[in-house]
C-alpha atoms as a PDB file:
ATOM      1  CA  MET A   1       0.000   0.000   0.000  1.00  0.00           C
ATOM      2  CA  PHE A   2       2.937   2.311   0.555  1.00  0.00           C
ATOM      3  CA  SER A   3       4.949   3.273  -2.496  1.00  0.00           C
ATOM      4  CA  PRO A   4       8.429   4.824  -2.757  1.00  0.00           C
ATOM      5  CA  LEU A   5       7.351   6.578  -5.962  1.00  0.00           C
ATOM      6  CA  TRP A   6       5.922   9.436  -3.924  1.00  0.00           C
ATOM      7  CA  ASN A   7       9.250  10.342  -2.336  1.00  0.00           C
ATOM      8  CA  PHE A   8       9.485  13.329  -4.610  1.00  0.00           C
ATOM      9  CA  LEU A   9      11.907  15.223  -2.380  1.00  0.00           C
ATOM     10  CA  THR A  10      14.667  12.644  -2.666  1.00  0.00           C
ATOM     11  CA  VAL A  11      14.228  10.428  -5.743  1.00  0.00           C
ATOM     12  CA  PRO A  12      17.275  11.172  -7.953  1.00  0.00           C
ATOM     13  CA  THR A  13      16.211   9.702 -11.308  1.00  0.00           C
ATOM     14  CA  LEU A  14      12.930  11.142 -12.503  1.00  0.00           C
ATOM     15  CA  PRO A  15      11.990  11.844 -16.136  1.00  0.00           C
ATOM     16  CA  SER A  16      12.194  15.376 -17.485  1.00  0.00           C
ATOM     17  CA  ILE A  17       8.772  14.877 -19.117  1.00  0.00           C
ATOM     18  CA  ALA A  18       5.557  15.396 -17.168  1.00  0.00           C
ATOM     19  CA  LEU A  19       1.845  15.419 -17.904  1.00  0.00           C
ATOM     20  CA  ALA A  20      -0.749  17.430 -15.986  1.00  0.00           C
ATOM     21  CA  ILE A  21      -4.389  16.342 -16.181  1.00  0.00           C
ATOM     22  CA  THR A  22      -7.237  18.660 -15.190  1.00  0.00           C
ATOM     23  CA  PRO A  23     -10.967  18.663 -16.012  1.00  0.00           C
ATOM     24  CA  SER A  24     -10.427  21.478 -18.508  1.00  0.00           C
ATOM     25  CA  HIS A  25      -7.113  20.684 -20.195  1.00  0.00           C
ATOM     26  CA  LEU A  26      -3.978  18.585 -20.574  1.00  0.00           C
ATOM     27  CA  ALA A  27      -0.427  19.944 -20.403  1.00  0.00           C
ATOM     28  CA  LEU A  28       2.614  17.945 -21.535  1.00  0.00           C
ATOM     29  CA  VAL A  29       6.078  19.414 -20.959  1.00  0.00           C
ATOM     30  CA  GLU A  30       9.671  18.323 -21.437  1.00  0.00           C
ATOM     31  CA  LEU A  31      12.149  20.599 -19.671  1.00  0.00           C
ATOM     32  CA  GLN A  32      15.799  21.291 -20.204  1.00  0.00           C
ATOM     33  CA  LYS A  33      18.116  23.356 -18.036  1.00  0.00           C
ATOM     34  CA  ARG A  34      20.672  25.758 -19.436  1.00  0.00           C
ATOM     35  CA  GLY A  35      22.750  28.169 -17.410  1.00  0.00           C
ATOM     36  CA  GLY A  36      20.730  27.447 -14.307  1.00  0.00           C
ATOM     37  CA  VAL A  37      17.432  28.324 -16.035  1.00  0.00           C
ATOM     38  CA  PHE A  38      14.673  25.927 -17.080  1.00  0.00           C
ATOM     39  CA  GLN A  39      13.055  26.184 -20.462  1.00  0.00           C
ATOM     40  CA  PRO A  40      10.623  23.949 -22.317  1.00  0.00           C
ATOM     41  CA  LYS A  41      12.222  21.664 -24.865  1.00  0.00           C
ATOM     42  CA  LYS A  42       8.785  20.474 -25.946  1.00  0.00           C
ATOM     43  CA  LEU A  43       5.441  21.802 -24.811  1.00  0.00           C
ATOM     44  CA  GLY A  44       1.796  21.164 -25.555  1.00  0.00           C
ATOM     45  CA  VAL A  45      -1.477  22.304 -23.967  1.00  0.00           C
ATOM     46  CA  GLN A  46      -4.841  20.988 -25.120  1.00  0.00           C
ATOM     47  CA  ASN A  47      -8.381  21.783 -24.023  1.00  0.00           C
ATOM     48  CA  LEU A  48     -10.694  18.939 -23.056  1.00  0.00           C
ATOM     49  CA  PRO A  49     -14.439  18.720 -23.655  1.00  0.00           C
ATOM     50  CA  GLU A  50     -16.567  19.288 -20.587  1.00  0.00           C
ATOM     51  CA  GLY A  51     -17.317  16.123 -18.661  1.00  0.00           C
ATOM     52  CA  LEU A  52     -14.524  13.999 -20.127  1.00  0.00           C
ATOM     53  CA  VAL A  53     -12.581  14.195 -16.847  1.00  0.00           C
ATOM     54  CA  LYS A  54     -14.875  13.994 -13.837  1.00  0.00           C
ATOM     55  CA  VAL A  55     -12.991  14.592 -10.606  1.00  0.00           C
ATOM     56  CA  SER A  56     -13.563  12.037  -7.867  1.00  0.00           C
ATOM     57  CA  LEU A  57     -11.479  10.660  -5.040  1.00  0.00           C
ATOM     58  CA  SER A  58     -13.260   7.290  -5.082  1.00  0.00           C
ATOM     59  CA  ASP A  59     -14.553   6.674  -8.622  1.00  0.00           C
ATOM     60  CA  PRO A  60     -12.734   6.399 -11.983  1.00  0.00           C
ATOM     61  CA  ASN A  61     -12.171   9.892 -13.387  1.00  0.00           C
ATOM     62  CA  ILE A  62     -12.333   9.329 -17.143  1.00  0.00           C
ATOM     63  CA  THR A  63     -15.889   9.054 -18.411  1.00  0.00           C
ATOM     64  CA  ARG A  64     -15.011   8.155 -22.026  1.00  0.00           C
ATOM     65  CA  GLU A  65     -11.690   6.337 -22.162  1.00  0.00           C
ATOM     66  CA  ALA A  66     -11.433   6.056 -25.957  1.00  0.00           C
ATOM     67  CA  GLU A  67     -11.924   9.808 -26.342  1.00  0.00           C
ATOM     68  CA  PHE A  68      -9.381  10.511 -23.615  1.00  0.00           C
ATOM     69  CA  LEU A  69      -6.850   8.262 -25.356  1.00  0.00           C
ATOM     70  CA  GLU A  70      -7.414  10.195 -28.573  1.00  0.00           C
ATOM     71  CA  ALA A  71      -6.818  13.477 -26.758  1.00  0.00           C
ATOM     72  CA  LEU A  72      -3.549  12.221 -25.270  1.00  0.00           C
ATOM     73  CA  THR A  73      -2.379  10.915 -28.644  1.00  0.00           C
ATOM     74  CA  ALA A  74      -3.229  14.192 -30.379  1.00  0.00           C
ATOM     75  CA  LEU A  75      -1.391  16.161 -27.690  1.00  0.00           C
ATOM     76  CA  THR A  76       1.800  14.111 -27.969  1.00  0.00           C
ATOM     77  CA  GLU A  77       1.812  14.424 -31.760  1.00  0.00           C
ATOM     78  CA  LYS A  78       1.116  18.158 -31.665  1.00  0.00           C
ATOM     79  CA  ALA A  79       3.926  18.757 -29.169  1.00  0.00           C
ATOM     80  CA  GLY A  80       6.406  16.605 -31.101  1.00  0.00           C
ATOM     81  CA  PHE A  81       6.778  13.729 -28.645  1.00  0.00           C
ATOM     82  CA  GLY A  82       7.373  10.109 -29.622  1.00  0.00           C
ATOM     83  CA  ARG A  83       4.801   7.398 -29.083  1.00  0.00           C
ATOM     84  CA  LYS A  84       6.332   5.735 -26.016  1.00  0.00           C
ATOM     85  CA  LEU A  85       7.053   8.033 -23.097  1.00  0.00           C
ATOM     86  CA  LYS A  86       8.583   7.710 -19.666  1.00  0.00           C
ATOM     87  CA  LEU A  87       6.999  10.482 -17.664  1.00  0.00           C
ATOM     88  CA  SER A  88       5.600  11.765 -14.378  1.00  0.00           C
ATOM     89  CA  VAL A  89       1.931  12.685 -13.980  1.00  0.00           C
ATOM     90  CA  THR A  90      -0.105  15.069 -11.841  1.00  0.00           C
ATOM     91  CA  LEU A  91      -3.781  14.310 -11.310  1.00  0.00           C
ATOM     92  CA  PRO A  92      -6.655  16.802 -10.983  1.00  0.00           C
ATOM     93  CA  GLU A  93      -7.349  18.377  -7.620  1.00  0.00           C
ATOM     94  CA  GLY A  94      -9.747  16.113  -5.791  1.00  0.00           C
ATOM     95  CA  SER A  95      -8.545  12.894  -7.454  1.00  0.00           C
ATOM     96  CA  ALA A  96      -5.738  12.329  -4.943  1.00  0.00           C
ATOM     97  CA  HIS A  97      -5.263  13.664  -1.445  1.00  0.00           C
ATOM     98  CA  SER A  98      -2.285  14.777   0.629  1.00  0.00           C
ATOM     99  CA  LEU A  99      -1.704  16.357   4.009  1.00  0.00           C
ATOM    100  CA  VAL A 100       1.030  17.016   6.560  1.00  0.00           C
ATOM    101  CA  VAL A 101       0.592  14.897   9.700  1.00  0.00           C
ATOM    102  CA  THR A 102       2.241  15.777  13.016  1.00  0.00           C
ATOM    103  CA  LEU A 103       2.444  13.065  15.659  1.00  0.00           C
ATOM    104  CA  ASP A 104       2.969  13.470  19.389  1.00  0.00           C
ATOM    105  CA  GLN A 105       5.731  10.874  19.304  1.00  0.00           C
ATOM    106  CA  LYS A 106       7.261   8.461  16.833  1.00  0.00           C
ATOM    107  CA  PRO A 107       5.544   5.047  16.799  1.00  0.00           C
ATOM    108  CA  ALA A 108       7.541   2.124  18.103  1.00  0.00           C
ATOM    109  CA  SER A 109       7.692   0.273  14.770  1.00  0.00           C
ATOM    110  CA  HIS A 110       7.347   0.885  11.056  1.00  0.00           C
ATOM    111  CA  SER A 111       4.098  -1.090  10.900  1.00  0.00           C
ATOM    112  CA  GLU A 112       2.652   0.961  13.745  1.00  0.00           C
ATOM    113  CA  LEU A 113       3.670   4.143  11.924  1.00  0.00           C
ATOM    114  CA  GLU A 114       1.864   2.947   8.787  1.00  0.00           C
ATOM    115  CA  GLN A 115      -1.253   2.170  10.808  1.00  0.00           C
ATOM    116  CA  VAL A 116      -1.304   5.616  12.406  1.00  0.00           C
ATOM    117  CA  LEU A 117      -0.753   7.467   9.122  1.00  0.00           C
ATOM    118  CA  THR A 118      -3.317   5.422   7.185  1.00  0.00           C
ATOM    119  CA  TRP A 119      -5.852   6.018   9.939  1.00  0.00           C
ATOM    120  CA  LYS A 120      -5.200   9.761   9.821  1.00  0.00           C
ATOM    121  CA  ILE A 121      -5.695  10.090   6.075  1.00  0.00           C
ATOM    122  CA  SER A 122      -8.587   7.612   6.034  1.00  0.00           C
ATOM    123  CA  ARG A 123     -10.388   9.754   8.584  1.00  0.00           C
ATOM    124  CA  THR A 124      -9.735  12.846   6.445  1.00  0.00           C
ATOM    125  CA  THR A 125     -10.987  11.293   3.209  1.00  0.00           C
ATOM    126  CA  ASN A 126     -13.749   9.090   4.688  1.00  0.00           C
ATOM    127  CA  LEU A 127     -12.488   6.201   2.571  1.00  0.00           C
ATOM    128  CA  LYS A 128     -11.580   2.688   3.654  1.00  0.00           C
ATOM    129  CA  THR A 129      -7.868   2.030   4.018  1.00  0.00           C
ATOM    130  CA  ALA A 130      -8.252  -1.226   2.059  1.00  0.00           C
ATOM    131  CA  ASP A 131      -9.368   0.792  -0.983  1.00  0.00           C
ATOM    132  CA  MET A 132      -6.519   3.298  -0.916  1.00  0.00           C
ATOM    133  CA  ARG A 133      -2.893   3.328  -1.982  1.00  0.00           C
ATOM    134  CA  PHE A 134      -0.798   5.349   0.445  1.00  0.00           C
ATOM    135  CA  SER A 135       2.680   6.789   0.643  1.00  0.00           C
ATOM    136  CA  PHE A 136       4.501   8.948   3.136  1.00  0.00           C
ATOM    137  CA  GLN A 137       7.591  11.138   3.255  1.00  0.00           C
ATOM    138  CA  PRO A 138       9.250  11.950   6.597  1.00  0.00           C
ATOM    139  CA  LEU A 139       9.776  15.659   7.236  1.00  0.00           C
ATOM    140  CA  SER A 140      11.816  17.593   9.758  1.00  0.00           C
ATOM    141  CA  GLY A 141      10.120  17.510  13.146  1.00  0.00           C
ATOM    142  CA  GLU A 142       9.334  20.627  15.153  1.00  0.00           C
ATOM    143  CA  GLN A 143       9.715  20.641  18.947  1.00  0.00           C
ATOM    144  CA  GLY A 144      10.576  16.955  18.832  1.00  0.00           C
ATOM    145  CA  GLN A 145       7.321  15.952  17.141  1.00  0.00           C
ATOM    146  CA  PRO A 146       7.722  13.751  14.028  1.00  0.00           C
ATOM    147  CA  ARG A 147       6.013  15.002  10.868  1.00  0.00           C
ATOM    148  CA  TYR A 148       5.144  13.292   7.598  1.00  0.00           C
ATOM    149  CA  LEU A 149       3.787  14.266   4.227  1.00  0.00           C
ATOM    150  CA  VAL A 150       1.123  11.629   3.539  1.00  0.00           C
ATOM    151  CA  ALA A 151      -0.594  11.080   0.194  1.00  0.00           C
ATOM    152  CA  ALA A 152      -3.350   8.719  -0.845  1.00  0.00           C
ATOM    153  CA  MET A 153      -5.172   7.646  -3.971  1.00  0.00           C
ATOM    154  CA  HIS A 154      -8.073   5.253  -4.454  1.00  0.00           C
ATOM    155  CA  GLU A 155      -7.160   2.005  -6.183  1.00  0.00           C
ATOM    156  CA  GLN A 156      -9.956   2.432  -8.757  1.00  0.00           C
ATOM    157  CA  VAL A 157      -8.832   5.953  -9.675  1.00  0.00           C
ATOM    158  CA  LEU A 158      -5.172   5.024  -9.974  1.00  0.00           C
ATOM    159  CA  GLY A 159      -5.980   1.756 -11.744  1.00  0.00           C
ATOM    160  CA  GLN A 160      -7.877   3.507 -14.527  1.00  0.00           C
ATOM    161  CA  TYR A 161      -5.084   5.997 -15.173  1.00  0.00           C
ATOM    162  CA  GLU A 162      -2.450   3.244 -15.143  1.00  0.00           C
ATOM    163  CA  ARG A 163      -4.506   1.188 -17.604  1.00  0.00           C
ATOM    164  CA  ILE A 164      -4.830   4.142 -19.984  1.00  0.00           C
ATOM    165  CA  PHE A 165      -1.112   4.919 -19.849  1.00  0.00           C
ATOM    166  CA  SER A 166      -0.319   1.256 -20.472  1.00  0.00           C
ATOM    167  CA  GLN A 167      -2.465   1.269 -23.624  1.00  0.00           C
ATOM    168  CA  LEU A 168      -0.323   4.121 -24.932  1.00  0.00           C
ATOM    169  CA  GLY A 169       2.892   2.317 -24.033  1.00  0.00           C
ATOM    170  CA  TRP A 170       3.736   4.968 -21.463  1.00  0.00           C
ATOM    171  CA  GLN A 171       5.646   4.383 -18.233  1.00  0.00           C
ATOM    172  CA  ALA A 172       4.238   6.692 -15.558  1.00  0.00           C
ATOM    173  CA  GLY A 173       6.727   6.365 -12.706  1.00  0.00           C
ATOM    174  CA  THR A 174       5.479   9.085 -10.398  1.00  0.00           C
ATOM    175  CA  ILE A 175       1.817  10.061 -10.024  1.00  0.00           C
ATOM    176  CA  ILE A 176       1.080  12.884  -7.568  1.00  0.00           C
ATOM    177  CA  PRO A 177      -1.674  15.438  -6.861  1.00  0.00           C
ATOM    178  CA  GLN A 178      -1.598  18.625  -8.892  1.00  0.00           C
ATOM    179  CA  HIS A 179      -0.685  20.859  -5.944  1.00  0.00           C
ATOM    180  CA  LEU A 180       2.421  18.806  -5.138  1.00  0.00           C
ATOM    181  CA  GLY A 181       3.620  19.213  -8.712  1.00  0.00           C
ATOM    182  CA  GLU A 182       3.084  22.966  -8.569  1.00  0.00           C
ATOM    183  CA  ALA A 183       4.707  23.172  -5.120  1.00  0.00           C
ATOM    184  CA  GLN A 184       7.989  21.925  -6.573  1.00  0.00           C
ATOM    185  CA  TRP A 185       8.679  25.491  -7.641  1.00  0.00           C
ATOM    186  CA  LEU A 186       8.872  26.436  -3.943  1.00  0.00           C
ATOM    187  CA  LEU A 187      10.704  23.331  -2.761  1.00  0.00           C
ATOM    188  CA  ARG A 188      13.686  23.563  -5.087  1.00  0.00           C
ATOM    189  CA  ASN A 189      17.088  23.798  -3.430  1.00  0.00           C
ATOM    190  CA  ASP A 190      18.204  26.570  -5.761  1.00  0.00           C
ATOM    191  CA  LEU A 191      15.764  28.945  -4.068  1.00  0.00           C
ATOM    192  CA  ASN A 192      18.258  28.773  -1.178  1.00  0.00           C
ATOM    193  CA  SER A 193      15.768  30.032   1.344  1.00  0.00           C
ATOM    194  CA  ASN A 194      14.594  28.958   4.788  1.00  0.00           C
ATOM    195  CA  GLU A 195      11.746  31.456   4.700  1.00  0.00           C
ATOM    196  CA  ASP A 196       8.044  30.636   4.554  1.00  0.00           C
ATOM    197  CA  GLN A 197       6.434  30.587   1.119  1.00  0.00           C
ATOM    198  CA  ALA A 198       2.954  29.757  -0.124  1.00  0.00           C
ATOM    199  CA  LEU A 199       1.457  28.114  -3.175  1.00  0.00           C
ATOM    200  CA  VAL A 200      -2.179  28.969  -3.854  1.00  0.00           C
ATOM    201  CA  SER A 201      -3.648  26.907  -6.686  1.00  0.00           C
ATOM    202  CA  ILE A 202      -7.159  27.976  -7.681  1.00  0.00           C
ATOM    203  CA  ASN A 203      -9.370  25.414  -9.400  1.00  0.00           C
ATOM    204  CA  GLU A 204     -12.962  24.734 -10.398  1.00  0.00           C
ATOM    205  CA  ARG A 205     -13.785  23.099  -7.054  1.00  0.00           C
ATOM    206  CA  GLY A 206     -12.132  25.656  -4.769  1.00  0.00           C
ATOM    207  CA  PHE A 207      -8.409  25.958  -4.086  1.00  0.00           C
ATOM    208  CA  ALA A 208      -5.365  24.169  -2.695  1.00  0.00           C
ATOM    209  CA  VAL A 209      -2.693  25.730  -0.482  1.00  0.00           C
ATOM    210  CA  VAL A 210       0.796  24.404   0.208  1.00  0.00           C
ATOM    211  CA  LEU A 211       2.760  26.378   2.789  1.00  0.00           C
ATOM    212  CA  THR A 212       6.472  25.622   2.807  1.00  0.00           C
ATOM    213  CA  ARG A 213       9.230  26.338   5.284  1.00  0.00           C
ATOM    214  CA  GLY A 214      12.640  25.905   3.768  1.00  0.00           C
ATOM    215  CA  GLN A 215      12.574  22.992   1.343  1.00  0.00           C
ATOM    216  CA  GLU A 216       9.691  21.144   3.030  1.00  0.00           C
ATOM    217  CA  PRO A 217       5.893  21.397   3.159  1.00  0.00           C
ATOM    218  CA  LEU A 218       4.604  22.918   6.378  1.00  0.00           C
ATOM    219  CA  LEU A 219       0.870  22.713   5.671  1.00  0.00           C
ATOM    220  CA  VAL A 220      -1.254  21.254   2.864  1.00  0.00           C
ATOM    221  CA  ARG A 221      -4.932  22.121   2.555  1.00  0.00           C
ATOM    222  CA  GLU A 222      -7.394  21.255  -0.207  1.00  0.00           C
ATOM    223  CA  VAL A 223     -10.537  23.358   0.155  1.00  0.00           C
ATOM    224  CA  VAL A 224     -13.756  22.549  -1.692  1.00  0.00           C
ATOM    225  CA  CYS A 225     -16.201  25.459  -1.760  1.00  0.00           C
ATOM    226  CA  GLU A 226     -18.370  27.632  -3.988  1.00  0.00           C
ATOM    227  CA  PRO A 227     -16.635  30.432  -5.929  1.00  0.00           C
ATOM    228  CA  ASN A 228     -18.248  33.118  -3.747  1.00  0.00           C
ATOM    229  CA  GLU A 229     -16.900  31.399  -0.617  1.00  0.00           C
ATOM    230  CA  ARG A 230     -13.273  31.101  -1.681  1.00  0.00           C
ATOM    231  CA  GLU A 231     -12.136  34.493  -0.421  1.00  0.00           C
ATOM    232  CA  ASP A 232     -13.499  33.944   3.103  1.00  0.00           C
ATOM    233  CA  GLU A 233     -12.175  30.375   3.276  1.00  0.00           C
ATOM    234  CA  PHE A 234      -8.705  31.494   2.215  1.00  0.00           C
ATOM    235  CA  PHE A 235      -8.749  34.414   4.667  1.00  0.00           C
ATOM    236  CA  ARG A 236      -9.538  32.022   7.541  1.00  0.00           C
ATOM    237  CA  LEU A 237      -6.776  29.642   6.497  1.00  0.00           C
ATOM    238  CA  MET A 238      -4.169  32.402   6.413  1.00  0.00           C
ATOM    239  CA  VAL A 239      -5.278  33.656   9.841  1.00  0.00           C
ATOM    240  CA  PHE A 240      -4.769  30.092  11.099  1.00  0.00           C
ATOM    241  CA  TYR A 241      -1.246  30.137   9.615  1.00  0.00           C
ATOM    242  CA  ARG A 242      -0.518  33.505  11.233  1.00  0.00           C
ATOM    243  CA  ASP A 243      -1.787  32.542  14.694  1.00  0.00           C
ATOM    244  CA  ARG A 244      -1.048  28.820  14.985  1.00  0.00           C
ATOM    245  CA  LEU A 245       1.998  27.952  12.878  1.00  0.00           C
ATOM    246  CA  HIS A 246       4.236  30.538  14.544  1.00  0.00           C
ATOM    247  CA  PRO A 247       6.094  32.071  11.604  1.00  0.00           C
ATOM    248  CA  SER A 248       9.319  33.660  12.861  1.00  0.00           C
ATOM    249  CA  GLN A 249       9.165  36.246  10.087  1.00  0.00           C
ATOM    250  CA  PRO A 250       6.585  37.470   7.555  1.00  0.00           C
ATOM    251  CA  LEU A 251       5.553  35.227   4.676  1.00  0.00           C
ATOM    252  CA  ALA A 252       8.254  35.862   2.106  1.00  0.00           C
ATOM    253  CA  ARG A 253       6.787  34.814  -1.239  1.00  0.00           C
ATOM    254  CA  ILE A 254       3.584  33.540  -2.794  1.00  0.00           C
ATOM    255  CA  LEU A 255       2.950  31.652  -6.013  1.00  0.00           C
ATOM    256  CA  LEU A 256      -0.603  32.234  -7.239  1.00  0.00           C
ATOM    257  CA  ILE A 257      -1.845  29.899  -9.968  1.00  0.00           C
ATOM    258  CA  GLY A 258      -5.181  30.680 -11.579  1.00  0.00           C
ATOM    259  CA  GLU A 259      -6.969  33.211 -13.732  1.00  0.00           C
ATOM    260  CA  PRO A 260      -5.796  36.828 -13.208  1.00  0.00           C
ATOM    261  CA  THR A 261      -9.119  37.933 -11.710  1.00  0.00           C
ATOM    262  CA  ASP A 262      -9.005  35.088  -9.185  1.00  0.00           C
ATOM    263  CA  GLN A 263      -5.405  35.879  -8.323  1.00  0.00           C
ATOM    264  CA  ALA A 264      -6.367  39.459  -7.519  1.00  0.00           C
ATOM    265  CA  VAL A 265      -9.097  38.309  -5.103  1.00  0.00           C
ATOM    266  CA  PHE A 266      -6.724  35.968  -3.267  1.00  0.00           C
ATOM    267  CA  SER A 267      -4.023  38.649  -3.095  1.00  0.00           C
ATOM    268  CA  GLN A 268      -6.467  41.004  -1.374  1.00  0.00           C
ATOM    269  CA  ALA A 269      -7.526  38.314   1.110  1.00  0.00           C
ATOM    270  CA  LEU A 270      -3.898  37.510   1.898  1.00  0.00           C
ATOM    271  CA  ALA A 271      -3.042  41.154   2.515  1.00  0.00           C
ATOM    272  CA  ALA A 272      -6.042  41.509   4.829  1.00  0.00           C
ATOM    273  CA  ALA A 273      -5.205  38.364   6.813  1.00  0.00           C
ATOM    274  CA  LEU A 274      -1.460  38.931   7.231  1.00  0.00           C
ATOM    275  CA  GLU A 275      -1.344  42.731   6.897  1.00  0.00           C
ATOM    276  CA  GLN A 276       1.504  42.386   4.414  1.00  0.00           C
ATOM    277  CA  ASN A 277       2.120  41.833   0.726  1.00  0.00           C
ATOM    278  CA  PRO A 278       4.589  39.002   0.054  1.00  0.00           C
ATOM    279  CA  GLN A 279       6.583  38.946  -3.143  1.00  0.00           C
ATOM    280  CA  LYS A 280       4.521  37.451  -5.962  1.00  0.00           C
ATOM    281  CA  LEU A 281       6.450  34.817  -7.875  1.00  0.00           C
ATOM    282  CA  ALA A 282       6.454  34.760 -11.673  1.00  0.00           C
ATOM    283  CA  PRO A 283       7.909  32.141 -14.049  1.00  0.00           C
ATOM    284  CA  LEU A 284      11.204  33.975 -14.596  1.00  0.00           C
ATOM    285  CA  THR A 285      11.602  34.558 -10.855  1.00  0.00           C
ATOM    286  CA  LEU A 286      11.215  30.798 -10.433  1.00  0.00           C
ATOM    287  CA  GLY A 287      13.930  30.143 -12.983  1.00  0.00           C
ATOM    288  CA  LEU A 288      11.585  29.210 -15.831  1.00  0.00           C
ATOM    289  CA  ASN A 289      12.196  30.919 -19.150  1.00  0.00           C
ATOM    290  CA  LEU A 290       8.755  30.789 -20.716  1.00  0.00           C
ATOM    291  CA  ASP A 291       7.379  32.484 -23.787  1.00  0.00           C
ATOM    292  CA  ALA A 292       5.056  35.338 -22.833  1.00  0.00           C
ATOM    293  CA  SER A 293       2.175  33.710 -24.738  1.00  0.00           C
ATOM    294  CA  ALA A 294       2.490  30.378 -22.876  1.00  0.00           C
ATOM    295  CA  PRO A 295      -0.210  29.932 -20.193  1.00  0.00           C
ATOM    296  CA  PHE A 296       1.862  29.312 -17.047  1.00  0.00           C
ATOM    297  CA  HIS A 297      -1.210  28.664 -14.897  1.00  0.00           C
ATOM    298  CA  ARG A 298      -2.102  25.746 -17.171  1.00  0.00           C
ATOM    299  CA  LEU A 299       1.320  24.130 -17.313  1.00  0.00           C
ATOM    300  CA  ALA A 300       2.782  24.989 -13.886  1.00  0.00           C
ATOM    301  CA  ALA A 301       2.060  21.520 -12.463  1.00  0.00           C
ATOM    302  CA  ALA A 302       3.591  19.660 -15.414  1.00  0.00           C
ATOM    303  CA  ALA A 303       6.654  21.917 -15.545  1.00  0.00           C
ATOM    304  CA  GLY A 304       7.124  21.781 -11.779  1.00  0.00           C
ATOM    305  CA  THR A 305       6.971  17.989 -11.800  1.00  0.00           C
ATOM    306  CA  ALA A 306       9.383  17.793 -14.764  1.00  0.00           C
ATOM    307  CA  SER A 307      11.822  20.038 -12.858  1.00  0.00           C
ATOM    308  CA  MET A 308      12.197  17.234 -10.283  1.00  0.00           C
ATOM    309  CA  ALA A 309      14.492  15.487 -12.794  1.00  0.00           C
ATOM    310  CA  PHE A 310      17.231  18.091 -12.296  1.00  0.00           C
END
């Protein structure tokens, strides 16, 4: 049930090609690095018809597999990729779940640790542990309390994606939630920072937030809400960060991913909650040399996941 493929902070040999799947589009990116700067070697973004990808944590996501296969094939041809790919994949928000778990003390054995972590994420998702595939990554503990990044995916959801990739002859080594792919831009060692940073990824169902401290996740939250509730929900979350997570200094930087109008709303809520305006990160600031016409908010997850290869 636990897989080493999720150890995205430490795995040294990951492909430089990554696919991001969302309900609205696909993004396929191959990165190269020159002079310390990333740039796409190959890149393709393709819209999907409404309803083709139906987000669910417990049920298969693809409603029409043959049509989805055609979309993937068309995307690879359009972007200039070969037929057989070795790649990493990010799944839509709501199709996989992750959270940071803090324990009072380290369990006495590895099996006990697995039981505690599976119970924690099972309680969060309301799914049976027997139906889920789990993984965990140990993090630096605070005040002697062990912490772990835990991720889970339903066997039926993962099984459908793996079957589709197999039909294409693809090898999908790492499959992670969208927000963890996007968060790679904050977790890279070349940022050389121990300051707090935030990823805010806005989606059709609500938003996801990954707060990082140094090169590790501090907090992961996936919030499902109506569009008119997002501002208040985000404000409350940032007040929780301010009051309960004890930042030693102001939030340094924020990476907002979403439509410009949505980004503006979240920026205002952040300023109101923290009474500050952190530096807003852009592709070039992150070390990504991207054409001005390329939609970063649509390919950030794929490019972030591909950057794990370097």
